[in-house]
Amino acid sequence: GARVYYATLASYKSGRSPYPPNKAPELIVVSYSDDDGATWSAPVVATVKRNPNDFNDKNWLWVDKAPTSPFFGRVYVSWTEFRSSRCCPAEPVMVAFSADSGASFSRPVQLSGASNSVGTGGRQGTQVASGPDGTLFVVWNEGNAQVIAISRDGGRTFGRAQRIAAV
């Protein structure tokens, strides 16, 4: 089809947040347009927010556009979920998908560990892509390496992340 998707950070309107002031309110939302961007759908929340300190950031959006894929049209969103407002926060890589053209998103899957320290480093900058057979690839920086996690079932489950290159 001709649907276009847009992912961005979103915050609550001033005074409407369920969290205390000065907490990181960012969620990742996805909108779509079926008329070349003349009009857009209401944003759909693609992330979760477990506590006031969660900060969802570094998002990436991908649509499986291969007609040969069993997951053709599936929308994927990946991000880093920063879980603390202090130094060296836990920051796992997360991914969710929409199997209904962006109307709703799956429960997020955590692809990496969450720990972060000066010795191990953290995780940043996810990117997602899929192959012609629907295989899903998610890559990110982890410490001093680039790593990849692969799903063969449309983003429901992933194999263990593997190091692919040094940074």
C-alpha atoms as a PDB file:
ATOM      1  CA  GLY A   1       0.000   0.000   0.000  1.00  0.00           C
ATOM      2  CA  ALA A   2       0.833   3.641   0.234  1.00  0.00           C
ATOM      3  CA  ARG A   3       0.744   4.074   4.019  1.00  0.00           C
ATOM      4  CA  VAL A   4       3.487   6.236   5.514  1.00  0.00           C
ATOM      5  CA  TYR A   5       4.529   5.903   9.179  1.00  0.00           C
ATOM      6  CA  TYR A   6       6.130   8.396  11.527  1.00  0.00           C
ATOM      7  CA  ALA A   7       7.613   7.635  14.964  1.00  0.00           C
ATOM      8  CA  THR A   8       8.546  10.307  17.480  1.00  0.00           C
ATOM      9  CA  LEU A   9       8.906  11.083  21.170  1.00  0.00           C
ATOM     10  CA  ALA A  10       5.767  12.302  22.924  1.00  0.00           C
ATOM     11  CA  SER A  11       5.160  13.871  26.309  1.00  0.00           C
ATOM     12  CA  TYR A  12       2.093  14.557  28.370  1.00  0.00           C
ATOM     13  CA  LYS A  13       0.491  17.984  28.165  1.00  0.00           C
ATOM     14  CA  SER A  14       1.569  20.331  30.919  1.00  0.00           C
ATOM     15  CA  GLY A  15      -0.224  19.424  34.137  1.00  0.00           C
ATOM     16  CA  ARG A  16      -1.593  16.136  32.738  1.00  0.00           C
ATOM     17  CA  SER A  17       1.273  13.748  33.498  1.00  0.00           C
ATOM     18  CA  PRO A  18       0.555  10.980  36.007  1.00  0.00           C
ATOM     19  CA  TYR A  19       4.169  11.414  37.194  1.00  0.00           C
ATOM     20  CA  PRO A  20       5.754  13.978  39.532  1.00  0.00           C
ATOM     21  CA  PRO A  21       7.137  17.185  37.976  1.00  0.00           C
ATOM     22  CA  ASN A  22      10.609  17.017  36.426  1.00  0.00           C
ATOM     23  CA  LYS A  23      10.379  13.315  35.598  1.00  0.00           C
ATOM     24  CA  ALA A  24      11.166  12.035  32.111  1.00  0.00           C
ATOM     25  CA  PRO A  25       7.732  11.656  30.508  1.00  0.00           C
ATOM     26  CA  GLU A  26       8.785  10.556  27.019  1.00  0.00           C
ATOM     27  CA  LEU A  27       6.917   7.793  25.255  1.00  0.00           C
ATOM     28  CA  ILE A  28       7.391   6.690  21.661  1.00  0.00           C
ATOM     29  CA  VAL A  29       4.337   7.065  19.478  1.00  0.00           C
ATOM     30  CA  VAL A  30       3.565   6.165  15.867  1.00  0.00           C
ATOM     31  CA  SER A  31       1.207   7.918  13.462  1.00  0.00           C
ATOM     32  CA  TYR A  32       0.383   7.062   9.869  1.00  0.00           C
ATOM     33  CA  SER A  33      -0.928   8.756   6.761  1.00  0.00           C
ATOM     34  CA  ASP A  34      -2.749   7.239   3.801  1.00  0.00           C
ATOM     35  CA  ASP A  35      -2.807  10.445   1.731  1.00  0.00           C
ATOM     36  CA  ASP A  36       0.862  11.371   1.321  1.00  0.00           C
ATOM     37  CA  GLY A  37       0.984  13.257   4.616  1.00  0.00           C
ATOM     38  CA  ALA A  38      -1.994  15.563   4.092  1.00  0.00           C
ATOM     39  CA  THR A  39      -3.621  14.094   7.216  1.00  0.00           C
ATOM     40  CA  TRP A  40      -2.295  11.855  10.002  1.00  0.00           C
ATOM     41  CA  SER A  41      -3.803   9.365  12.405  1.00  0.00           C
ATOM     42  CA  ALA A  42      -3.892  10.027  16.114  1.00  0.00           C
ATOM     43  CA  PRO A  43      -0.616   8.866  17.664  1.00  0.00           C
ATOM     44  CA  VAL A  44      -0.534   5.292  18.969  1.00  0.00           C
ATOM     45  CA  VAL A  45       1.734   4.559  21.951  1.00  0.00           C
ATOM     46  CA  ALA A  46       4.317   1.920  20.999  1.00  0.00           C
ATOM     47  CA  THR A  47       6.251   1.826  24.284  1.00  0.00           C
ATOM     48  CA  VAL A  48       5.614   1.167  27.928  1.00  0.00           C
ATOM     49  CA  LYS A  49       6.496   3.343  30.886  1.00  0.00           C
ATOM     50  CA  ARG A  50       7.041   1.343  34.051  1.00  0.00           C
ATOM     51  CA  ASN A  51       8.062   4.123  36.414  1.00  0.00           C
ATOM     52  CA  PRO A  52       8.511   7.911  36.514  1.00  0.00           C
ATOM     53  CA  ASN A  53      12.220   7.655  35.685  1.00  0.00           C
ATOM     54  CA  ASP A  54      11.831   5.617  32.466  1.00  0.00           C
ATOM     55  CA  PHE A  55      12.965   7.614  29.481  1.00  0.00           C
ATOM     56  CA  ASN A  56      12.318   5.999  26.100  1.00  0.00           C
ATOM     57  CA  ASP A  57      14.701   7.396  23.490  1.00  0.00           C
ATOM     58  CA  LYS A  58      16.819   6.618  20.398  1.00  0.00           C
ATOM     59  CA  ASN A  59      13.861   5.206  18.485  1.00  0.00           C
ATOM     60  CA  TRP A  60      13.869   3.616  15.039  1.00  0.00           C
ATOM     61  CA  LEU A  61      10.919   2.570  12.862  1.00  0.00           C
ATOM     62  CA  TRP A  62      10.837  -0.054  10.119  1.00  0.00           C
ATOM     63  CA  VAL A  63       8.074  -1.528   7.961  1.00  0.00           C
ATOM     64  CA  ASP A  64       8.457  -4.965   6.388  1.00  0.00           C
ATOM     65  CA  LYS A  65       7.886  -4.078   2.734  1.00  0.00           C
ATOM     66  CA  ALA A  66       8.877  -7.373   1.102  1.00  0.00           C
ATOM     67  CA  PRO A  67       5.873  -9.011  -0.612  1.00  0.00           C
ATOM     68  CA  THR A  68       7.627 -12.375  -0.151  1.00  0.00           C
ATOM     69  CA  SER A  69       7.677 -11.973   3.647  1.00  0.00           C
ATOM     70  CA  PRO A  70       5.065 -13.701   5.820  1.00  0.00           C
ATOM     71  CA  PHE A  71       5.143 -10.471   7.888  1.00  0.00           C
ATOM     72  CA  PHE A  72       4.604  -8.073   4.981  1.00  0.00           C
ATOM     73  CA  GLY A  73       3.300  -4.740   6.313  1.00  0.00           C
ATOM     74  CA  ARG A  74       4.335  -5.360   9.928  1.00  0.00           C
ATOM     75  CA  VAL A  75       5.572  -2.178  11.642  1.00  0.00           C
ATOM     76  CA  TYR A  76       8.546  -2.442  14.023  1.00  0.00           C
ATOM     77  CA  VAL A  77       9.748   0.140  16.547  1.00  0.00           C
ATOM     78  CA  SER A  78      12.959  -0.190  18.544  1.00  0.00           C
ATOM     79  CA  TRP A  79      14.411   2.062  21.240  1.00  0.00           C
ATOM     80  CA  THR A  80      16.641   2.337  24.281  1.00  0.00           C
ATOM     81  CA  GLU A  81      14.738   2.424  27.571  1.00  0.00           C
ATOM     82  CA  PHE A  82      16.707   4.458  30.095  1.00  0.00           C
ATOM     83  CA  ARG A  83      15.499   3.300  33.517  1.00  0.00           C
ATOM     84  CA  SER A  84      16.962   5.816  35.951  1.00  0.00           C
ATOM     85  CA  SER A  85      17.642   9.493  36.278  1.00  0.00           C
ATOM     86  CA  ARG A  86      21.024   8.880  37.964  1.00  0.00           C
ATOM     87  CA  CYS A  87      24.462   8.310  36.456  1.00  0.00           C
ATOM     88  CA  CYS A  88      24.889   5.110  34.420  1.00  0.00           C
ATOM     89  CA  PRO A  89      21.214   4.117  34.260  1.00  0.00           C
ATOM     90  CA  ALA A  90      20.034   0.672  33.270  1.00  0.00           C
ATOM     91  CA  GLU A  91      19.333   0.934  29.541  1.00  0.00           C
ATOM     92  CA  PRO A  92      18.049  -2.145  27.731  1.00  0.00           C
ATOM     93  CA  VAL A  93      17.222  -2.285  24.030  1.00  0.00           C
ATOM     94  CA  MET A  94      13.519  -2.848  23.382  1.00  0.00           C
ATOM     95  CA  VAL A  95      11.400  -3.668  20.316  1.00  0.00           C
ATOM     96  CA  ALA A  96       7.658  -3.837  19.663  1.00  0.00           C
ATOM     97  CA  PHE A  97       5.618  -4.517  16.530  1.00  0.00           C
ATOM     98  CA  SER A  98       2.238  -3.758  15.044  1.00  0.00           C
ATOM     99  CA  ALA A  99       0.494  -6.500  13.076  1.00  0.00           C
ATOM    100  CA  ASP A 100      -2.564  -4.309  12.404  1.00  0.00           C
ATOM    101  CA  SER A 101      -1.071  -1.476  10.335  1.00  0.00           C
ATOM    102  CA  GLY A 102      -0.148   0.713  13.289  1.00  0.00           C
ATOM    103  CA  ALA A 103      -3.467   0.588  15.165  1.00  0.00           C
ATOM    104  CA  SER A 104      -1.807  -1.068  18.194  1.00  0.00           C
ATOM    105  CA  PHE A 105       1.574  -2.435  19.260  1.00  0.00           C
ATOM    106  CA  SER A 106       2.701  -5.648  20.885  1.00  0.00           C
ATOM    107  CA  ARG A 107       4.102  -5.880  24.357  1.00  0.00           C
ATOM    108  CA  PRO A 108       7.766  -4.827  24.052  1.00  0.00           C
ATOM    109  CA  VAL A 109      10.499  -7.469  23.980  1.00  0.00           C
ATOM    110  CA  GLN A 110      13.761  -6.713  25.812  1.00  0.00           C
ATOM    111  CA  LEU A 111      16.694  -7.673  23.561  1.00  0.00           C
ATOM    112  CA  SER A 112      19.644  -6.884  25.804  1.00  0.00           C
ATOM    113  CA  GLY A 113      20.706  -6.793  29.389  1.00  0.00           C
ATOM    114  CA  ALA A 114      19.859  -3.678  31.332  1.00  0.00           C
ATOM    115  CA  SER A 115      23.027  -3.155  33.347  1.00  0.00           C
ATOM    116  CA  ASN A 116      25.310  -0.251  32.645  1.00  0.00           C
ATOM    117  CA  SER A 117      28.591   0.713  34.260  1.00  0.00           C
ATOM    118  CA  VAL A 118      31.811   2.459  33.400  1.00  0.00           C
ATOM    119  CA  GLY A 119      33.365  -0.994  32.828  1.00  0.00           C
ATOM    120  CA  THR A 120      30.647  -2.542  30.652  1.00  0.00           C
ATOM    121  CA  GLY A 121      29.207   0.497  28.950  1.00  0.00           C
ATOM    122  CA  GLY A 122      25.592   0.847  27.916  1.00  0.00           C
ATOM    123  CA  ARG A 123      23.410   0.440  24.864  1.00  0.00           C
ATOM    124  CA  GLN A 124      22.495   3.074  22.302  1.00  0.00           C
ATOM    125  CA  GLY A 125      21.210   3.661  18.819  1.00  0.00           C
ATOM    126  CA  THR A 126      19.039   0.771  17.627  1.00  0.00           C
ATOM    127  CA  GLN A 127      18.273   0.144  13.972  1.00  0.00           C
ATOM    128  CA  VAL A 128      15.836  -2.410  12.560  1.00  0.00           C
ATOM    129  CA  ALA A 129      15.532  -4.013   9.125  1.00  0.00           C
ATOM    130  CA  SER A 130      13.942  -7.140   7.689  1.00  0.00           C
ATOM    131  CA  GLY A 131      14.887  -9.482   4.874  1.00  0.00           C
ATOM    132  CA  PRO A 132      12.799 -10.843   1.989  1.00  0.00           C
ATOM    133  CA  ASP A 133      11.872 -13.930   4.048  1.00  0.00           C
ATOM    134  CA  GLY A 134      10.663 -11.811   7.008  1.00  0.00           C
ATOM    135  CA  THR A 135      13.778 -12.323   9.141  1.00  0.00           C
ATOM    136  CA  LEU A 136      14.088  -9.318  11.441  1.00  0.00           C
ATOM    137  CA  PHE A 137      17.475  -7.816  12.325  1.00  0.00           C
ATOM    138  CA  VAL A 138      18.007  -5.349  15.200  1.00  0.00           C
ATOM    139  CA  VAL A 139      21.472  -3.823  15.668  1.00  0.00           C
ATOM    140  CA  TRP A 140      22.822  -1.448  18.311  1.00  0.00           C
ATOM    141  CA  ASN A 141      25.969  -0.252  20.101  1.00  0.00           C
ATOM    142  CA  GLU A 142      26.745  -2.155  23.277  1.00  0.00           C
ATOM    143  CA  GLY A 143      29.813  -0.977  25.167  1.00  0.00           C
ATOM    144  CA  ASN A 144      32.634  -1.101  22.620  1.00  0.00           C
ATOM    145  CA  ALA A 145      30.838  -3.366  20.124  1.00  0.00           C
ATOM    146  CA  GLN A 146      28.088  -3.472  17.533  1.00  0.00           C
ATOM    147  CA  VAL A 147      25.672  -6.318  18.249  1.00  0.00           C
ATOM    148  CA  ILE A 148      22.754  -7.915  16.421  1.00  0.00           C
ATOM    149  CA  ALA A 149      19.681  -9.846  17.531  1.00  0.00           C
ATOM    150  CA  ILE A 150      17.639 -11.826  15.002  1.00  0.00           C
ATOM    151  CA  SER A 151      13.981 -12.867  14.993  1.00  0.00           C
ATOM    152  CA  ARG A 152      12.481 -15.371  12.575  1.00  0.00           C
ATOM    153  CA  ASP A 153       8.918 -15.131  13.909  1.00  0.00           C
ATOM    154  CA  GLY A 154       8.003 -11.515  13.199  1.00  0.00           C
ATOM    155  CA  GLY A 155       9.526 -10.000  16.327  1.00  0.00           C
ATOM    156  CA  ARG A 156       7.850 -12.243  18.909  1.00  0.00           C
ATOM    157  CA  THR A 157      11.117 -13.860  20.030  1.00  0.00           C
ATOM    158  CA  PHE A 158      14.801 -13.239  19.356  1.00  0.00           C
ATOM    159  CA  GLY A 159      17.975 -15.261  19.478  1.00  0.00           C
ATOM    160  CA  ARG A 160      20.721 -14.191  21.824  1.00  0.00           C
ATOM    161  CA  ALA A 161      22.448 -10.980  20.712  1.00  0.00           C
ATOM    162  CA  GLN A 162      25.756 -11.589  18.933  1.00  0.00           C
ATOM    163  CA  ARG A 163      28.749  -9.294  18.590  1.00  0.00           C
ATOM    164  CA  ILE A 164      29.368  -8.363  14.950  1.00  0.00           C
ATOM    165  CA  ALA A 165      32.066  -5.660  15.093  1.00  0.00           C
ATOM    166  CA  ALA A 166      34.151  -3.474  17.376  1.00  0.00           C
ATOM    167  CA  VAL A 167      33.340   0.212  17.759  1.00  0.00           C
END
